[in-house]
PDB file of N, CA and C in Angstrom:
ATOM      1  N   UNK A   1     120.977  77.974  47.014  1.00  0.00           N
ATOM      2  CA  UNK A   1     121.058  76.939  46.012  1.00  0.00           C
ATOM      3  C   UNK A   1     119.930  75.957  46.262  1.00  0.00           C
ATOM      4  N   UNK A   2     119.231  75.602  45.239  1.00  0.00           N
ATOM      5  CA  UNK A   2     118.127  74.654  45.364  1.00  0.00           C
ATOM      6  C   UNK A   2     118.280  73.592  44.291  1.00  0.00           C
ATOM      7  N   UNK A   3     118.373  72.343  44.720  1.00  0.00           N
ATOM      8  CA  UNK A   3     118.493  71.223  43.792  1.00  0.00           C
ATOM      9  C   UNK A   3     117.394  70.227  44.137  1.00  0.00           C
ATOM     10  N   UNK A   4     116.598  69.858  43.167  1.00  0.00           N
ATOM     11  CA  UNK A   4     115.530  68.895  43.375  1.00  0.00           C
ATOM     12  C   UNK A   4     115.902  67.604  42.669  1.00  0.00           C
ATOM     13  N   UNK A   5     115.929  66.508  43.432  1.00  0.00           N
ATOM     14  CA  UNK A   5     116.213  65.186  42.884  1.00  0.00           C
ATOM     15  C   UNK A   5     115.245  64.216  43.545  1.00  0.00           C
ATOM     16  N   UNK A   6     114.217  63.805  42.830  1.00  0.00           N
ATOM     17  CA  UNK A   6     113.178  62.948  43.397  1.00  0.00           C
ATOM     18  C   UNK A   6     113.657  61.529  43.681  1.00  0.00           C
ATOM     19  N   UNK A   7     114.848  61.159  43.219  1.00  0.00           N
ATOM     20  CA  UNK A   7     115.375  59.817  43.472  1.00  0.00           C
ATOM     21  C   UNK A   7     116.058  59.702  44.831  1.00  0.00           C
ATOM     22  N   UNK A   8     116.298  60.813  45.495  1.00  0.00           N
ATOM     23  CA  UNK A   8     116.950  60.805  46.805  1.00  0.00           C
ATOM     24  C   UNK A   8     115.859  60.898  47.873  1.00  0.00           C
ATOM     25  N   UNK A   9     115.776  59.896  48.790  1.00  0.00           N
ATOM     26  CA  UNK A   9     114.665  59.876  49.748  1.00  0.00           C
ATOM     27  C   UNK A   9     114.793  60.861  50.913  1.00  0.00           C
ATOM     28  N   UNK A  10     115.995  61.335  51.199  1.00  0.00           N
ATOM     29  CA  UNK A  10     116.197  62.221  52.339  1.00  0.00           C
ATOM     30  C   UNK A  10     116.788  63.550  51.900  1.00  0.00           C
ATOM     31  N   UNK A  11     116.540  64.573  52.687  1.00  0.00           N
ATOM     32  CA  UNK A  11     117.113  65.891  52.413  1.00  0.00           C
ATOM     33  C   UNK A  11     118.308  66.116  53.331  1.00  0.00           C
ATOM     34  N   UNK A  12     119.308  66.794  52.833  1.00  0.00           N
ATOM     35  CA  UNK A  12     120.464  67.177  53.631  1.00  0.00           C
ATOM     36  C   UNK A  12     120.643  68.677  53.481  1.00  0.00           C
ATOM     37  N   UNK A  13     120.920  69.340  54.608  1.00  0.00           N
ATOM     38  CA  UNK A  13     121.118  70.778  54.551  1.00  0.00           C
ATOM     39  C   UNK A  13     122.078  71.200  55.644  1.00  0.00           C
ATOM     40  N   UNK A  14     122.575  72.402  55.525  1.00  0.00           N
ATOM     41  CA  UNK A  14     123.494  72.953  56.522  1.00  0.00           C
ATOM     42  C   UNK A  14     123.114  74.401  56.785  1.00  0.00           C
ATOM     43  N   UNK A  15     123.354  74.828  58.010  1.00  0.00           N
ATOM     44  CA  UNK A  15     123.105  76.209  58.402  1.00  0.00           C
ATOM     45  C   UNK A  15     124.392  76.748  59.004  1.00  0.00           C
ATOM     46  N   UNK A  16     124.787  77.934  58.595  1.00  0.00           N
ATOM     47  CA  UNK A  16     126.018  78.532  59.119  1.00  0.00           C
ATOM     48  C   UNK A  16     125.782  80.007  59.419  1.00  0.00           C
ATOM     49  N   UNK A  17     126.517  80.511  60.387  1.00  0.00           N
ATOM     50  CA  UNK A  17     126.428  81.923  60.721  1.00  0.00           C
ATOM     51  C   UNK A  17     127.736  82.352  61.362  1.00  0.00           C
ATOM     52  N   UNK A  18     127.986  83.642  61.351  1.00  0.00           N
ATOM     53  CA  UNK A  18     129.196  84.174  61.970  1.00  0.00           C
ATOM     54  C   UNK A  18     129.065  84.125  63.483  1.00  0.00           C
ATOM     55  N   UNK A  19     130.132  83.739  64.130  1.00  0.00           N
ATOM     56  CA  UNK A  19     130.162  83.714  65.584  1.00  0.00           C
ATOM     57  C   UNK A  19     131.162  84.735  66.101  1.00  0.00           C
ATOM     58  N   UNK A  20     131.396  84.702  67.383  1.00  0.00           N
ATOM     59  CA  UNK A  20     132.350  85.625  67.991  1.00  0.00           C
ATOM     60  C   UNK A  20     133.773  85.120  67.765  1.00  0.00           C
ATOM     61  N   UNK A  21     134.697  86.029  67.571  1.00  0.00           N
ATOM     62  CA  UNK A  21     136.102  85.653  67.416  1.00  0.00           C
ATOM     63  C   UNK A  21     136.703  85.367  68.789  1.00  0.00           C
ATOM     64  N   UNK A  22     137.906  84.788  68.797  1.00  0.00           N
ATOM     65  CA  UNK A  22     138.571  84.460  70.067  1.00  0.00           C
ATOM     66  C   UNK A  22     138.849  85.701  70.903  1.00  0.00           C
ATOM     67  N   UNK A  23     139.022  86.847  70.255  1.00  0.00           N
ATOM     68  CA  UNK A  23     139.346  88.073  70.983  1.00  0.00           C
ATOM     69  C   UNK A  23     138.105  88.874  71.377  1.00  0.00           C
ATOM     70  N   UNK A  24     136.933  88.405  71.000  1.00  0.00           N
ATOM     71  CA  UNK A  24     135.689  89.086  71.350  1.00  0.00           C
ATOM     72  C   UNK A  24     135.432  88.954  72.851  1.00  0.00           C
ATOM     73  N   UNK A  25     134.995  90.015  73.514  1.00  0.00           N
ATOM     74  CA  UNK A  25     134.708  89.944  74.956  1.00  0.00           C
ATOM     75  C   UNK A  25     133.627  88.919  75.310  1.00  0.00           C
ATOM     76  N   UNK A  26     132.752  88.591  74.371  1.00  0.00           N
ATOM     77  CA  UNK A  26     131.676  87.632  74.632  1.00  0.00           C
ATOM     78  C   UNK A  26     132.079  86.185  74.361  1.00  0.00           C
ATOM     79  N   UNK A  27     133.294  85.938  73.906  1.00  0.00           N
ATOM     80  CA  UNK A  27     133.667  84.574  73.518  1.00  0.00           C
ATOM     81  C   UNK A  27     133.632  83.607  74.697  1.00  0.00           C
ATOM     82  N   UNK A  28     134.057  84.029  75.877  1.00  0.00           N
ATOM     83  CA  UNK A  28     134.042  83.135  77.043  1.00  0.00           C
ATOM     84  C   UNK A  28     132.603  82.800  77.429  1.00  0.00           C
ATOM     85  N   UNK A  29     131.734  83.789  77.439  1.00  0.00           N
ATOM     86  CA  UNK A  29     130.324  83.541  77.775  1.00  0.00           C
ATOM     87  C   UNK A  29     129.680  82.603  76.757  1.00  0.00           C
ATOM     88  N   UNK A  30     130.016  82.749  75.487  1.00  0.00           N
ATOM     89  CA  UNK A  30     129.458  81.870  74.461  1.00  0.00           C
ATOM     90  C   UNK A  30     129.980  80.446  74.607  1.00  0.00           C
ATOM     91  N   UNK A  31     131.236  80.281  75.000  1.00  0.00           N
ATOM     92  CA  UNK A  31     131.780  78.939  75.220  1.00  0.00           C
ATOM     93  C   UNK A  31     131.120  78.265  76.417  1.00  0.00           C
ATOM     94  N   UNK A  32     130.829  79.037  77.470  1.00  0.00           N
ATOM     95  CA  UNK A  32     130.120  78.479  78.628  1.00  0.00           C
ATOM     96  C   UNK A  32     128.714  78.057  78.214  1.00  0.00           C
ATOM     97  N   UNK A  33     128.042  78.895  77.430  1.00  0.00           N
ATOM     98  CA  UNK A  33     126.704  78.565  76.959  1.00  0.00           C
ATOM     99  C   UNK A  33     126.733  77.309  76.090  1.00  0.00           C
ATOM    100  N   UNK A  34     127.728  77.181  75.227  1.00  0.00           N
ATOM    101  CA  UNK A  34     127.865  76.002  74.382  1.00  0.00           C
ATOM    102  C   UNK A  34     128.041  74.747  75.239  1.00  0.00           C
ATOM    103  N   UNK A  35     128.837  74.849  76.279  1.00  0.00           N
ATOM    104  CA  UNK A  35     129.057  73.714  77.172  1.00  0.00           C
ATOM    105  C   UNK A  35     127.776  73.338  77.916  1.00  0.00           C
ATOM    106  N   UNK A  36     127.004  74.323  78.323  1.00  0.00           N
ATOM    107  CA  UNK A  36     125.762  74.060  79.051  1.00  0.00           C
ATOM    108  C   UNK A  36     124.696  73.444  78.144  1.00  0.00           C
ATOM    109  N   UNK A  37     124.600  73.934  76.912  1.00  0.00           N
ATOM    110  CA  UNK A  37     123.598  73.414  75.986  1.00  0.00           C
ATOM    111  C   UNK A  37     123.985  72.047  75.453  1.00  0.00           C
ATOM    112  N   UNK A  38     125.272  71.811  75.276  1.00  0.00           N
ATOM    113  CA  UNK A  38     125.740  70.524  74.784  1.00  0.00           C
ATOM    114  C   UNK A  38     125.463  70.352  73.304  1.00  0.00           C
ATOM    115  N   UNK A  39     125.452  69.108  72.889  1.00  0.00           N
ATOM    116  CA  UNK A  39     125.189  68.794  71.492  1.00  0.00           C
ATOM    117  C   UNK A  39     124.283  67.576  71.428  1.00  0.00           C
ATOM    118  N   UNK A  40     123.716  67.335  70.273  1.00  0.00           N
ATOM    119  CA  UNK A  40     122.802  66.220  70.091  1.00  0.00           C
ATOM    120  C   UNK A  40     123.423  65.223  69.143  1.00  0.00           C
ATOM    121  N   UNK A  41     123.291  63.947  69.467  1.00  0.00           N
ATOM    122  CA  UNK A  41     123.796  62.880  68.625  1.00  0.00           C
ATOM    123  C   UNK A  41     122.763  61.767  68.644  1.00  0.00           C
ATOM    124  N   UNK A  42     122.278  61.372  67.478  1.00  0.00           N
ATOM    125  CA  UNK A  42     121.234  60.350  67.429  1.00  0.00           C
ATOM    126  C   UNK A  42     121.711  59.007  67.962  1.00  0.00           C
ATOM    127  N   UNK A  43     123.015  58.765  67.985  1.00  0.00           N
ATOM    128  CA  UNK A  43     123.550  57.499  68.473  1.00  0.00           C
ATOM    129  C   UNK A  43     123.762  57.486  69.987  1.00  0.00           C
ATOM    130  N   UNK A  44     123.657  58.638  70.620  1.00  0.00           N
ATOM    131  CA  UNK A  44     123.824  58.707  72.068  1.00  0.00           C
ATOM    132  C   UNK A  44     122.492  58.352  72.728  1.00  0.00           C
ATOM    133  N   UNK A  45     122.509  57.347  73.563  1.00  0.00           N
ATOM    134  CA  UNK A  45     121.282  56.925  74.224  1.00  0.00           C
ATOM    135  C   UNK A  45     120.820  57.955  75.235  1.00  0.00           C
ATOM    136  N   UNK A  46     119.594  57.904  75.574  1.00  0.00           N
ATOM    137  CA  UNK A  46     119.056  58.818  76.569  1.00  0.00           C
ATOM    138  C   UNK A  46     117.597  59.077  76.303  1.00  0.00           C
ATOM    139  N   UNK A  47     116.949  59.565  77.278  1.00  0.00           N
ATOM    140  CA  UNK A  47     115.544  59.869  77.115  1.00  0.00           C
ATOM    141  C   UNK A  47     114.675  58.911  77.902  1.00  0.00           C
ATOM    142  N   UNK A  48     113.436  59.232  77.992  1.00  0.00           N
ATOM    143  CA  UNK A  48     112.479  58.513  78.824  1.00  0.00           C
ATOM    144  C   UNK A  48     112.285  57.057  78.395  1.00  0.00           C
ATOM    145  N   UNK A  49     112.222  56.804  77.101  1.00  0.00           N
ATOM    146  CA  UNK A  49     111.895  55.470  76.597  1.00  0.00           C
ATOM    147  C   UNK A  49     113.093  54.780  75.944  1.00  0.00           C
ATOM    148  N   UNK A  50     114.287  55.196  76.274  1.00  0.00           N
ATOM    149  CA  UNK A  50     115.485  54.608  75.668  1.00  0.00           C
ATOM    150  C   UNK A  50     116.175  53.692  76.669  1.00  0.00           C
ATOM    151  N   UNK A  51     116.736  52.604  76.175  1.00  0.00           N
ATOM    152  CA  UNK A  51     117.623  51.750  76.934  1.00  0.00           C
ATOM    153  C   UNK A  51     117.011  51.056  78.048  1.00  0.00           C
TER     154      UNK A  51
END
């Protein structure tokens, strides 16, 4: 789907894909990887020049 609206200054989008089910043998490994990679939040401080 593509919608062009020149009055909106920012773009918003989403990306989705199928993951492993709870019964998949790889689900535990994927949960560990998710925990190790973490998540990003623009409101969470951190970094070399922050705070």
